[in-house]
Every structure is written in C-alpha cells, then in structure tokens.
Amino acid sequence: MRWAAMIDSKTLKTQTSYSLKLHDVRKAAAAYELMHSAAAMLQMLPVPVLEALRDYTEEQVKDRKAPLTLCDRSFVEHLNELIRGARLKEQRLFHGITGIVPDPDENENKSS
C-alpha cells in the first residue's frame, strides 16, 4: 500500500499543493525522474552504443578536476556494468541457441 493511501485526502491535497509551490522541490523531483528515465533508456541501448558513450565520457573527464568528475566516473562505471550485463546476456542466449560455450578470453579482449 502506498504511503499516500494511509493519510486522508485533505492532508494529502494540502501537502501536495504546498510542495508544488516550492521551486526547489519541483526541480529536485524533475531531476530524480530524469535520472530514472536516463537509466531506463541506457538499458535499451545496444552494446556498441554503450561502449561509444563510455569511451566518449572517459575522454571528456580524463584531465578534468571539476566537481562533476566523480559523477562522470561513476557514470562510466555504470556503463561498464551495463556492458558486462549485456554481454553476459548475449553469451547465455548464444549458448542456449547453439549449445556452444563462448571462449572467456574472447570476452576479455572485447572489454579492453
């Protein structure tokens, strides 16, 4: 049960109305939703596009010391995780269709 269902409708209406009047609350909510939308979008991209995005981001942050550098580096790590997961899924699908187990050395060469 959602928390909103646990409070009466008048209180919910008052709190929602008040929160929507606060500019920073609206910006924070929009940023949160954008972050989740971007994460969902990334999961739909093919591996070559994820690799290109990762490489581009790595190049952009290589010599930078700005505050967003840590966030960018975390983004690169997130992309690496998505790439590893997508490759594992491809391997399992390939194995399921053909019965051939891919060579693990081949996978390591791809990630370099």
PDB file of N, CA and C in Angstrom:
ATOM      1  N   MET A   1       0.843  -1.179   0.000  1.00  0.00           N
ATOM      2  CA  MET A   1       0.000   0.000   0.000  1.00  0.00           C
ATOM      3  C   MET A   1       0.885   1.238   0.000  1.00  0.00           C
ATOM      4  N   ARG A   2       0.579   2.174  -0.855  1.00  0.00           N
ATOM      5  CA  ARG A   2       1.371   3.393  -0.955  1.00  0.00           C
ATOM      6  C   ARG A   2       1.122   4.285   0.256  1.00  0.00           C
ATOM      7  N   TRP A   3       2.134   5.068   0.608  1.00  0.00           N
ATOM      8  CA  TRP A   3       2.021   5.934   1.787  1.00  0.00           C
ATOM      9  C   TRP A   3       0.903   6.942   1.636  1.00  0.00           C
ATOM     10  N   ALA A   4       0.610   7.363   0.397  1.00  0.00           N
ATOM     11  CA  ALA A   4      -0.432   8.362   0.170  1.00  0.00           C
ATOM     12  C   ALA A   4      -1.806   7.829   0.571  1.00  0.00           C
ATOM     13  N   ALA A   5      -2.009   6.543   0.462  1.00  0.00           N
ATOM     14  CA  ALA A   5      -3.304   5.965   0.807  1.00  0.00           C
ATOM     15  C   ALA A   5      -3.509   5.909   2.315  1.00  0.00           C
ATOM     16  N   MET A   6      -2.431   6.078   3.078  1.00  0.00           N
ATOM     17  CA  MET A   6      -2.527   5.977   4.530  1.00  0.00           C
ATOM     18  C   MET A   6      -2.924   7.300   5.191  1.00  0.00           C
ATOM     19  N   ILE A   7      -2.887   8.406   4.449  1.00  0.00           N
ATOM     20  CA  ILE A   7      -3.293   9.680   5.040  1.00  0.00           C
ATOM     21  C   ILE A   7      -4.579  10.145   4.368  1.00  0.00           C
ATOM     22  N   ASP A   8      -5.312  10.983   5.054  1.00  0.00           N
ATOM     23  CA  ASP A   8      -6.590  11.404   4.491  1.00  0.00           C
ATOM     24  C   ASP A   8      -6.370  12.334   3.294  1.00  0.00           C
ATOM     25  N   SER A   9      -7.366  12.414   2.442  1.00  0.00           N
ATOM     26  CA  SER A   9      -7.236  13.142   1.181  1.00  0.00           C
ATOM     27  C   SER A   9      -7.020  14.647   1.384  1.00  0.00           C
ATOM     28  N   LYS A  10      -7.598  15.224   2.445  1.00  0.00           N
ATOM     29  CA  LYS A  10      -7.425  16.661   2.679  1.00  0.00           C
ATOM     30  C   LYS A  10      -5.967  16.965   3.026  1.00  0.00           C
ATOM     31  N   THR A  11      -5.369  16.154   3.880  1.00  0.00           N
ATOM     32  CA  THR A  11      -3.963  16.341   4.249  1.00  0.00           C
ATOM     33  C   THR A  11      -3.073  16.145   3.028  1.00  0.00           C
ATOM     34  N   LEU A  12      -3.359  15.129   2.243  1.00  0.00           N
ATOM     35  CA  LEU A  12      -2.577  14.863   1.034  1.00  0.00           C
ATOM     36  C   LEU A  12      -2.670  16.039   0.067  1.00  0.00           C
ATOM     37  N   LYS A  13      -3.859  16.558  -0.118  1.00  0.00           N
ATOM     38  CA  LYS A  13      -4.060  17.697  -1.021  1.00  0.00           C
ATOM     39  C   LYS A  13      -3.287  18.919  -0.520  1.00  0.00           C
ATOM     40  N   THR A  14      -3.338  19.181   0.764  1.00  0.00           N
ATOM     41  CA  THR A  14      -2.632  20.324   1.339  1.00  0.00           C
ATOM     42  C   THR A  14      -1.121  20.172   1.180  1.00  0.00           C
ATOM     43  N   GLN A  15      -0.607  18.988   1.503  1.00  0.00           N
ATOM     44  CA  GLN A  15       0.839  18.764   1.402  1.00  0.00           C
ATOM     45  C   GLN A  15       1.319  18.832  -0.042  1.00  0.00           C
ATOM     46  N   THR A  16       0.537  18.264  -0.950  1.00  0.00           N
ATOM     47  CA  THR A  16       0.916  18.285  -2.357  1.00  0.00           C
ATOM     48  C   THR A  16       0.890  19.711  -2.887  1.00  0.00           C
ATOM     49  N   SER A  17      -0.141  20.439  -2.565  1.00  0.00           N
ATOM     50  CA  SER A  17      -0.258  21.829  -3.002  1.00  0.00           C
ATOM     51  C   SER A  17       0.911  22.660  -2.494  1.00  0.00           C
ATOM     52  N   TYR A  18       1.246  22.496  -1.232  1.00  0.00           N
ATOM     53  CA  TYR A  18       2.365  23.237  -0.635  1.00  0.00           C
ATOM     54  C   TYR A  18       3.684  22.857  -1.318  1.00  0.00           C
ATOM     55  N   SER A  19       3.905  21.560  -1.515  1.00  0.00           N
ATOM     56  CA  SER A  19       5.160  21.105  -2.111  1.00  0.00           C
ATOM     57  C   SER A  19       5.321  21.601  -3.541  1.00  0.00           C
ATOM     58  N   LEU A  20       4.231  21.618  -4.296  1.00  0.00           N
ATOM     59  CA  LEU A  20       4.308  22.064  -5.681  1.00  0.00           C
ATOM     60  C   LEU A  20       4.596  23.562  -5.802  1.00  0.00           C
ATOM     61  N   LYS A  21       4.352  24.303  -4.746  1.00  0.00           N
ATOM     62  CA  LYS A  21       4.670  25.733  -4.749  1.00  0.00           C
ATOM     63  C   LYS A  21       6.151  25.991  -4.523  1.00  0.00           C
ATOM     64  N   LEU A  22       6.873  25.003  -4.025  1.00  0.00           N
ATOM     65  CA  LEU A  22       8.293  25.152  -3.735  1.00  0.00           C
ATOM     66  C   LEU A  22       9.116  24.803  -4.977  1.00  0.00           C
ATOM     67  N   HIS A  23       9.768  25.829  -5.527  1.00  0.00           N
ATOM     68  CA  HIS A  23      10.525  25.667  -6.768  1.00  0.00           C
ATOM     69  C   HIS A  23      11.610  24.595  -6.644  1.00  0.00           C
ATOM     70  N   ASP A  24      12.336  24.594  -5.546  1.00  0.00           N
ATOM     71  CA  ASP A  24      13.419  23.618  -5.368  1.00  0.00           C
ATOM     72  C   ASP A  24      12.896  22.184  -5.273  1.00  0.00           C
ATOM     73  N   VAL A  25      11.736  22.018  -4.679  1.00  0.00           N
ATOM     74  CA  VAL A  25      11.140  20.681  -4.589  1.00  0.00           C
ATOM     75  C   VAL A  25      10.773  20.193  -5.990  1.00  0.00           C
ATOM     76  N   ARG A  26      10.192  21.081  -6.814  1.00  0.00           N
ATOM     77  CA  ARG A  26       9.848  20.706  -8.186  1.00  0.00           C
ATOM     78  C   ARG A  26      11.094  20.365  -8.989  1.00  0.00           C
ATOM     79  N   LYS A  27      12.160  21.140  -8.826  1.00  0.00           N
ATOM     80  CA  LYS A  27      13.410  20.860  -9.549  1.00  0.00           C
ATOM     81  C   LYS A  27      14.007  19.533  -9.094  1.00  0.00           C
ATOM     82  N   ALA A  28      13.981  19.276  -7.800  1.00  0.00           N
ATOM     83  CA  ALA A  28      14.527  18.022  -7.277  1.00  0.00           C
ATOM     84  C   ALA A  28      13.728  16.831  -7.801  1.00  0.00           C
ATOM     85  N   ALA A  29      12.424  16.946  -7.815  1.00  0.00           N
ATOM     86  CA  ALA A  29      11.575  15.860  -8.317  1.00  0.00           C
ATOM     87  C   ALA A  29      11.830  15.629  -9.808  1.00  0.00           C
ATOM     88  N   ALA A  30      11.989  16.708 -10.570  1.00  0.00           N
ATOM     89  CA  ALA A  30      12.267  16.576 -12.005  1.00  0.00           C
ATOM     90  C   ALA A  30      13.624  15.921 -12.234  1.00  0.00           C
ATOM     91  N   ALA A  31      14.633  16.315 -11.463  1.00  0.00           N
ATOM     92  CA  ALA A  31      15.967  15.722 -11.596  1.00  0.00           C
ATOM     93  C   ALA A  31      15.926  14.231 -11.266  1.00  0.00           C
ATOM     94  N   TYR A  32      15.193  13.888 -10.251  1.00  0.00           N
ATOM     95  CA  TYR A  32      15.058  12.486  -9.848  1.00  0.00           C
ATOM     96  C   TYR A  32      14.407  11.670 -10.968  1.00  0.00           C
ATOM     97  N   GLU A  33      13.342  12.188 -11.532  1.00  0.00           N
ATOM     98  CA  GLU A  33      12.644  11.484 -12.611  1.00  0.00           C
ATOM     99  C   GLU A  33      13.518  11.379 -13.855  1.00  0.00           C
ATOM    100  N   LEU A  34      14.266  12.446 -14.179  1.00  0.00           N
ATOM    101  CA  LEU A  34      15.167  12.405 -15.331  1.00  0.00           C
ATOM    102  C   LEU A  34      16.252  11.350 -15.151  1.00  0.00           C
ATOM    103  N   MET A  35      16.765  11.242 -13.932  1.00  0.00           N
ATOM    104  CA  MET A  35      17.792  10.254 -13.647  1.00  0.00           C
ATOM    105  C   MET A  35      17.260   8.838 -13.907  1.00  0.00           C
ATOM    106  N   HIS A  36      16.064   8.564 -13.442  1.00  0.00           N
ATOM    107  CA  HIS A  36      15.483   7.240 -13.637  1.00  0.00           C
ATOM    108  C   HIS A  36      15.124   6.983 -15.102  1.00  0.00           C
ATOM    109  N   SER A  37      14.673   8.010 -15.803  1.00  0.00           N
ATOM    110  CA  SER A  37      14.372   7.866 -17.228  1.00  0.00           C
ATOM    111  C   SER A  37      15.647   7.584 -18.020  1.00  0.00           C
ATOM    112  N   ALA A  38      16.728   8.284 -17.680  1.00  0.00           N
ATOM    113  CA  ALA A  38      18.006   8.065 -18.360  1.00  0.00           C
ATOM    114  C   ALA A  38      18.514   6.649 -18.106  1.00  0.00           C
ATOM    115  N   ALA A  39      18.389   6.171 -16.878  1.00  0.00           N
ATOM    116  CA  ALA A  39      18.833   4.807 -16.549  1.00  0.00           C
ATOM    117  C   ALA A  39      18.043   3.782 -17.356  1.00  0.00           C
ATOM    118  N   ALA A  40      16.751   3.994 -17.496  1.00  0.00           N
ATOM    119  CA  ALA A  40      15.919   3.074 -18.273  1.00  0.00           C
ATOM    120  C   ALA A  40      16.297   3.123 -19.750  1.00  0.00           C
ATOM    121  N   MET A  41      16.593   4.322 -20.251  1.00  0.00           N
ATOM    122  CA  MET A  41      16.996   4.480 -21.645  1.00  0.00           C
ATOM    123  C   MET A  41      18.311   3.763 -21.931  1.00  0.00           C
ATOM    124  N   LEU A  42      19.263   3.886 -21.009  1.00  0.00           N
ATOM    125  CA  LEU A  42      20.567   3.252 -21.194  1.00  0.00           C
ATOM    126  C   LEU A  42      20.443   1.741 -21.293  1.00  0.00           C
ATOM    127  N   GLN A  43      19.527   1.161 -20.559  1.00  0.00           N
ATOM    128  CA  GLN A  43      19.353  -0.287 -20.570  1.00  0.00           C
ATOM    129  C   GLN A  43      18.836  -0.792 -21.905  1.00  0.00           C
ATOM    130  N   MET A  44      18.290   0.087 -22.719  1.00  0.00           N
ATOM    131  CA  MET A  44      17.738  -0.313 -24.013  1.00  0.00           C
ATOM    132  C   MET A  44      18.742  -0.166 -25.155  1.00  0.00           C
ATOM    133  N   LEU A  45      19.892   0.461 -24.888  1.00  0.00           N
ATOM    134  CA  LEU A  45      20.866   0.703 -25.952  1.00  0.00           C
ATOM    135  C   LEU A  45      21.700  -0.537 -26.245  1.00  0.00           C
ATOM    136  N   PRO A  46      22.094  -0.706 -27.515  1.00  0.00           N
ATOM    137  CA  PRO A  46      22.964  -1.838 -27.853  1.00  0.00           C
ATOM    138  C   PRO A  46      24.378  -1.625 -27.310  1.00  0.00           C
ATOM    139  N   VAL A  47      25.111  -2.719 -27.151  1.00  0.00           N
ATOM    140  CA  VAL A  47      26.458  -2.676 -26.569  1.00  0.00           C
ATOM    141  C   VAL A  47      27.390  -1.705 -27.301  1.00  0.00           C
ATOM    142  N   PRO A  48      27.440  -1.692 -28.639  1.00  0.00           N
ATOM    143  CA  PRO A  48      28.362  -0.754 -29.298  1.00  0.00           C
ATOM    144  C   PRO A  48      28.083   0.714 -28.960  1.00  0.00           C
ATOM    145  N   VAL A  49      26.819   1.051 -28.790  1.00  0.00           N
ATOM    146  CA  VAL A  49      26.467   2.427 -28.430  1.00  0.00           C
ATOM    147  C   VAL A  49      26.888   2.715 -26.988  1.00  0.00           C
ATOM    148  N   LEU A  50      26.675   1.748 -26.091  1.00  0.00           N
ATOM    149  CA  LEU A  50      27.121   1.915 -24.703  1.00  0.00           C
ATOM    150  C   LEU A  50      28.640   2.074 -24.638  1.00  0.00           C
ATOM    151  N   GLU A  51      29.356   1.291 -25.440  1.00  0.00           N
ATOM    152  CA  GLU A  51      30.816   1.396 -25.464  1.00  0.00           C
ATOM    153  C   GLU A  51      31.263   2.756 -25.979  1.00  0.00           C
ATOM    154  N   ALA A  52      30.606   3.246 -27.022  1.00  0.00           N
ATOM    155  CA  ALA A  52      30.944   4.564 -27.570  1.00  0.00           C
ATOM    156  C   ALA A  52      30.671   5.661 -26.546  1.00  0.00           C
ATOM    157  N   LEU A  53      29.559   5.565 -25.854  1.00  0.00           N
ATOM    158  CA  LEU A  53      29.215   6.547 -24.825  1.00  0.00           C
ATOM    159  C   LEU A  53      30.214   6.504 -23.680  1.00  0.00           C
ATOM    160  N   ARG A  54      30.589   5.294 -23.270  1.00  0.00           N
ATOM    161  CA  ARG A  54      31.595   5.129 -22.218  1.00  0.00           C
ATOM    162  C   ARG A  54      32.926   5.744 -22.634  1.00  0.00           C
ATOM    163  N   ASP A  55      33.376   5.445 -23.849  1.00  0.00           N
ATOM    164  CA  ASP A  55      34.649   5.967 -24.332  1.00  0.00           C
ATOM    165  C   ASP A  55      34.629   7.495 -24.431  1.00  0.00           C
ATOM    166  N   TYR A  56      33.514   8.034 -24.903  1.00  0.00           N
ATOM    167  CA  TYR A  56      33.381   9.490 -25.016  1.00  0.00           C
ATOM    168  C   TYR A  56      33.441  10.140 -23.635  1.00  0.00           C
ATOM    169  N   THR A  57      32.713   9.565 -22.685  1.00  0.00           N
ATOM    170  CA  THR A  57      32.699  10.125 -21.329  1.00  0.00           C
ATOM    171  C   THR A  57      34.068  10.022 -20.682  1.00  0.00           C
ATOM    172  N   GLU A  58      34.753   8.893 -20.858  1.00  0.00           N
ATOM    173  CA  GLU A  58      36.108   8.740 -20.315  1.00  0.00           C
ATOM    174  C   GLU A  58      37.043   9.800 -20.872  1.00  0.00           C
ATOM    175  N   GLU A  59      36.928  10.063 -22.163  1.00  0.00           N
ATOM    176  CA  GLU A  59      37.782  11.066 -22.810  1.00  0.00           C
ATOM    177  C   GLU A  59      37.490  12.467 -22.251  1.00  0.00           C
ATOM    178  N   GLN A  60      36.229  12.750 -22.014  1.00  0.00           N
ATOM    179  CA  GLN A  60      35.834  14.068 -21.516  1.00  0.00           C
ATOM    180  C   GLN A  60      36.332  14.331 -20.093  1.00  0.00           C
ATOM    181  N   VAL A  61      36.403  13.295 -19.262  1.00  0.00           N
ATOM    182  CA  VAL A  61      36.768  13.501 -17.859  1.00  0.00           C
ATOM    183  C   VAL A  61      38.231  13.187 -17.564  1.00  0.00           C
ATOM    184  N   LYS A  62      38.965  12.788 -18.579  1.00  0.00           N
ATOM    185  CA  LYS A  62      40.340  12.326 -18.368  1.00  0.00           C
ATOM    186  C   LYS A  62      41.182  13.318 -17.570  1.00  0.00           C
ATOM    187  N   ASP A  63      41.202  14.567 -17.954  1.00  0.00           N
ATOM    188  CA  ASP A  63      42.064  15.561 -17.307  1.00  0.00           C
ATOM    189  C   ASP A  63      41.294  16.588 -16.489  1.00  0.00           C
ATOM    190  N   ARG A  64      40.015  16.387 -16.349  1.00  0.00           N
ATOM    191  CA  ARG A  64      39.188  17.371 -15.658  1.00  0.00           C
ATOM    192  C   ARG A  64      39.208  17.152 -14.158  1.00  0.00           C
ATOM    193  N   LYS A  65      39.165  18.225 -13.408  1.00  0.00           N
ATOM    194  CA  LYS A  65      39.130  18.146 -11.939  1.00  0.00           C
ATOM    195  C   LYS A  65      37.877  18.839 -11.385  1.00  0.00           C
ATOM    196  N   ALA A  66      36.907  19.055 -12.234  1.00  0.00           N
ATOM    197  CA  ALA A  66      35.682  19.753 -11.835  1.00  0.00           C
ATOM    198  C   ALA A  66      34.843  18.886 -10.897  1.00  0.00           C
ATOM    199  N   PRO A  67      33.895  19.496 -10.188  1.00  0.00           N
ATOM    200  CA  PRO A  67      33.070  18.760  -9.231  1.00  0.00           C
ATOM    201  C   PRO A  67      32.295  17.584  -9.832  1.00  0.00           C
ATOM    202  N   LEU A  68      31.922  17.651 -11.101  1.00  0.00           N
ATOM    203  CA  LEU A  68      31.147  16.572 -11.694  1.00  0.00           C
ATOM    204  C   LEU A  68      32.002  15.384 -12.105  1.00  0.00           C
ATOM    205  N   THR A  69      33.306  15.497 -11.956  1.00  0.00           N
ATOM    206  CA  THR A  69      34.183  14.415 -12.376  1.00  0.00           C
ATOM    207  C   THR A  69      33.840  13.106 -11.678  1.00  0.00           C
ATOM    208  N   LEU A  70      33.606  13.146 -10.383  1.00  0.00           N
ATOM    209  CA  LEU A  70      33.261  11.930  -9.646  1.00  0.00           C
ATOM    210  C   LEU A  70      31.959  11.333 -10.174  1.00  0.00           C
ATOM    211  N   CYS A  71      30.997  12.178 -10.454  1.00  0.00           N
ATOM    212  CA  CYS A  71      29.722  11.715 -11.011  1.00  0.00           C
ATOM    213  C   CYS A  71      29.951  11.100 -12.391  1.00  0.00           C
ATOM    214  N   ASP A  72      30.771  11.758 -13.200  1.00  0.00           N
ATOM    215  CA  ASP A  72      31.070  11.237 -14.535  1.00  0.00           C
ATOM    216  C   ASP A  72      31.773   9.890 -14.454  1.00  0.00           C
ATOM    217  N   ARG A  73      32.701   9.763 -13.527  1.00  0.00           N
ATOM    218  CA  ARG A  73      33.404   8.490 -13.379  1.00  0.00           C
ATOM    219  C   ARG A  73      32.462   7.390 -12.903  1.00  0.00           C
ATOM    220  N   SER A  74      31.542   7.748 -12.041  1.00  0.00           N
ATOM    221  CA  SER A  74      30.524   6.776 -11.615  1.00  0.00           C
ATOM    222  C   SER A  74      29.646   6.379 -12.800  1.00  0.00           C
ATOM    223  N   PHE A  75      29.375   7.336 -13.666  1.00  0.00           N
ATOM    224  CA  PHE A  75      28.591   7.066 -14.865  1.00  0.00           C
ATOM    225  C   PHE A  75      29.331   6.072 -15.760  1.00  0.00           C
ATOM    226  N   VAL A  76      30.646   6.253 -15.905  1.00  0.00           N
ATOM    227  CA  VAL A  76      31.460   5.330 -16.694  1.00  0.00           C
ATOM    228  C   VAL A  76      31.393   3.926 -16.084  1.00  0.00           C
ATOM    229  N   GLU A  77      31.487   3.843 -14.770  1.00  0.00           N
ATOM    230  CA  GLU A  77      31.389   2.534 -14.111  1.00  0.00           C
ATOM    231  C   GLU A  77      30.013   1.900 -14.332  1.00  0.00           C
ATOM    232  N   HIS A  78      28.979   2.731 -14.291  1.00  0.00           N
ATOM    233  CA  HIS A  78      27.627   2.235 -14.549  1.00  0.00           C
ATOM    234  C   HIS A  78      27.528   1.696 -15.972  1.00  0.00           C
ATOM    235  N   LEU A  79      28.102   2.410 -16.926  1.00  0.00           N
ATOM    236  CA  LEU A  79      28.105   1.945 -18.308  1.00  0.00           C
ATOM    237  C   LEU A  79      28.856   0.625 -18.433  1.00  0.00           C
ATOM    238  N   ASN A  80      29.993   0.516 -17.740  1.00  0.00           N
ATOM    239  CA  ASN A  80      30.747  -0.741 -17.764  1.00  0.00           C
ATOM    240  C   ASN A  80      29.905  -1.896 -17.232  1.00  0.00           C
ATOM    241  N   GLU A  81      29.143  -1.654 -16.174  1.00  0.00           N
ATOM    242  CA  GLU A  81      28.265  -2.694 -15.624  1.00  0.00           C
ATOM    243  C   GLU A  81      27.176  -3.082 -16.622  1.00  0.00           C
ATOM    244  N   LEU A  82      26.601  -2.087 -17.287  1.00  0.00           N
ATOM    245  CA  LEU A  82      25.576  -2.376 -18.291  1.00  0.00           C
ATOM    246  C   LEU A  82      26.157  -3.192 -19.443  1.00  0.00           C
ATOM    247  N   ILE A  83      27.374  -2.846 -19.865  1.00  0.00           N
ATOM    248  CA  ILE A  83      28.039  -3.562 -20.961  1.00  0.00           C
ATOM    249  C   ILE A  83      28.316  -5.004 -20.551  1.00  0.00           C
ATOM    250  N   ARG A  84      28.855  -5.196 -19.347  1.00  0.00           N
ATOM    251  CA  ARG A  84      29.113  -6.564 -18.869  1.00  0.00           C
ATOM    252  C   ARG A  84      27.823  -7.372 -18.808  1.00  0.00           C
ATOM    253  N   GLY A  85      26.779  -6.775 -18.294  1.00  0.00           N
ATOM    254  CA  GLY A  85      25.494  -7.469 -18.195  1.00  0.00           C
ATOM    255  C   GLY A  85      24.918  -7.822 -19.555  1.00  0.00           C
ATOM    256  N   ALA A  86      25.029  -6.884 -20.503  1.00  0.00           N
ATOM    257  CA  ALA A  86      24.511  -7.144 -21.855  1.00  0.00           C
ATOM    258  C   ALA A  86      25.315  -8.249 -22.534  1.00  0.00           C
ATOM    259  N   ARG A  87      26.627  -8.247 -22.351  1.00  0.00           N
ATOM    260  CA  ARG A  87      27.460  -9.301 -22.944  1.00  0.00           C
ATOM    261  C   ARG A  87      27.143 -10.670 -22.339  1.00  0.00           C
ATOM    262  N   LEU A  88      26.940 -10.692 -21.046  1.00  0.00           N
ATOM    263  CA  LEU A  88      26.591 -11.957 -20.386  1.00  0.00           C
ATOM    264  C   LEU A  88      25.261 -12.483 -20.925  1.00  0.00           C
ATOM    265  N   LYS A  89      24.320 -11.577 -21.098  1.00  0.00           N
ATOM    266  CA  LYS A  89      23.012 -11.968 -21.639  1.00  0.00           C
ATOM    267  C   LYS A  89      23.168 -12.501 -23.066  1.00  0.00           C
ATOM    268  N   GLU A  90      24.008 -11.841 -23.873  1.00  0.00           N
ATOM    269  CA  GLU A  90      24.258 -12.307 -25.241  1.00  0.00           C
ATOM    270  C   GLU A  90      24.891 -13.692 -25.233  1.00  0.00           C
ATOM    271  N   GLN A  91      25.852 -13.905 -24.321  1.00  0.00           N
ATOM    272  CA  GLN A  91      26.519 -15.202 -24.233  1.00  0.00           C
ATOM    273  C   GLN A  91      25.536 -16.302 -23.865  1.00  0.00           C
ATOM    274  N   ARG A  92      24.674 -16.010 -22.906  1.00  0.00           N
ATOM    275  CA  ARG A  92      23.686 -17.008 -22.485  1.00  0.00           C
ATOM    276  C   ARG A  92      22.721 -17.332 -23.616  1.00  0.00           C
ATOM    277  N   LEU A  93      22.314 -16.315 -24.344  1.00  0.00           N
ATOM    278  CA  LEU A  93      21.417 -16.525 -25.475  1.00  0.00           C
ATOM    279  C   LEU A  93      22.120 -17.351 -26.552  1.00  0.00           C
ATOM    280  N   PHE A  94      23.367 -16.989 -26.855  1.00  0.00           N
ATOM    281  CA  PHE A  94      24.153 -17.728 -27.847  1.00  0.00           C
ATOM    282  C   PHE A  94      24.312 -19.186 -27.431  1.00  0.00           C
ATOM    283  N   HIS A  95      24.637 -19.398 -26.164  1.00  0.00           N
ATOM    284  CA  HIS A  95      24.810 -20.757 -25.649  1.00  0.00           C
ATOM    285  C   HIS A  95      23.492 -21.535 -25.708  1.00  0.00           C
ATOM    286  N   GLY A  96      22.408 -20.866 -25.375  1.00  0.00           N
ATOM    287  CA  GLY A  96      21.100 -21.520 -25.397  1.00  0.00           C
ATOM    288  C   GLY A  96      20.668 -21.908 -26.798  1.00  0.00           C
ATOM    289  N   ILE A  97      21.018 -21.094 -27.788  1.00  0.00           N
ATOM    290  CA  ILE A  97      20.622 -21.373 -29.169  1.00  0.00           C
ATOM    291  C   ILE A  97      21.535 -22.418 -29.805  1.00  0.00           C
ATOM    292  N   THR A  98      22.849 -22.257 -29.605  1.00  0.00           N
ATOM    293  CA  THR A  98      23.813 -23.109 -30.319  1.00  0.00           C
ATOM    294  C   THR A  98      24.370 -24.244 -29.490  1.00  0.00           C
ATOM    295  N   GLY A  99      24.353 -24.106 -28.176  1.00  0.00           N
ATOM    296  CA  GLY A  99      24.978 -25.097 -27.312  1.00  0.00           C
ATOM    297  C   GLY A  99      26.483 -24.908 -27.201  1.00  0.00           C
ATOM    298  N   ILE A 100      27.008 -23.882 -27.873  1.00  0.00           N
ATOM    299  CA  ILE A 100      28.447 -23.584 -27.845  1.00  0.00           C
ATOM    300  C   ILE A 100      28.721 -22.613 -26.710  1.00  0.00           C
ATOM    301  N   VAL A 101      29.709 -22.959 -25.887  1.00  0.00           N
ATOM    302  CA  VAL A 101      30.112 -22.064 -24.799  1.00  0.00           C
ATOM    303  C   VAL A 101      31.187 -21.124 -25.338  1.00  0.00           C
ATOM    304  N   PRO A 102      30.946 -19.790 -25.307  1.00  0.00           N
ATOM    305  CA  PRO A 102      31.938 -18.848 -25.826  1.00  0.00           C
ATOM    306  C   PRO A 102      33.246 -18.906 -25.031  1.00  0.00           C
ATOM    307  N   ASP A 103      34.352 -18.632 -25.695  1.00  0.00           N
ATOM    308  CA  ASP A 103      35.675 -18.608 -25.083  1.00  0.00           C
ATOM    309  C   ASP A 103      35.773 -17.402 -24.148  1.00  0.00           C
ATOM    310  N   PRO A 104      36.115 -17.592 -22.859  1.00  0.00           N
ATOM    311  CA  PRO A 104      36.200 -16.467 -21.922  1.00  0.00           C
ATOM    312  C   PRO A 104      37.272 -15.449 -22.321  1.00  0.00           C
ATOM    313  N   ASP A 105      38.356 -15.892 -22.987  1.00  0.00           N
ATOM    314  CA  ASP A 105      39.407 -14.966 -23.412  1.00  0.00           C
ATOM    315  C   ASP A 105      38.888 -13.990 -24.456  1.00  0.00           C
ATOM    316  N   GLU A 106      37.958 -14.442 -25.279  1.00  0.00           N
ATOM    317  CA  GLU A 106      37.381 -13.582 -26.302  1.00  0.00           C
ATOM    318  C   GLU A 106      36.640 -12.421 -25.659  1.00  0.00           C
ATOM    319  N   ASN A 107      35.939 -12.681 -24.557  1.00  0.00           N
ATOM    320  CA  ASN A 107      35.181 -11.650 -23.859  1.00  0.00           C
ATOM    321  C   ASN A 107      36.097 -10.614 -23.224  1.00  0.00           C
ATOM    322  N   GLU A 108      37.240 -11.053 -22.681  1.00  0.00           N
ATOM    323  CA  GLU A 108      38.174 -10.124 -22.074  1.00  0.00           C
ATOM    324  C   GLU A 108      38.779  -9.195 -23.113  1.00  0.00           C
ATOM    325  N   ASN A 109      39.015  -9.688 -24.320  1.00  0.00           N
ATOM    326  CA  ASN A 109      39.570  -8.867 -25.384  1.00  0.00           C
ATOM    327  C   ASN A 109      38.596  -7.781 -25.808  1.00  0.00           C
ATOM    328  N   LYS A 110      37.295  -8.052 -25.762  1.00  0.00           N
ATOM    329  CA  LYS A 110      36.293  -7.069 -26.121  1.00  0.00           C
ATOM    330  C   LYS A 110      36.274  -5.893 -25.154  1.00  0.00           C
ATOM    331  N   SER A 111      36.477  -6.142 -23.880  1.00  0.00           N
ATOM    332  CA  SER A 111      36.343  -5.097 -22.876  1.00  0.00           C
ATOM    333  C   SER A 111      37.576  -4.208 -22.796  1.00  0.00           C
ATOM    334  N   SER A 112      38.648  -4.554 -23.467  1.00  0.00           N
ATOM    335  CA  SER A 112      39.866  -3.738 -23.423  1.00  0.00           C
ATOM    336  C   SER A 112      39.797  -2.584 -24.366  1.00  0.00           C
TER     337      SER A 112
END
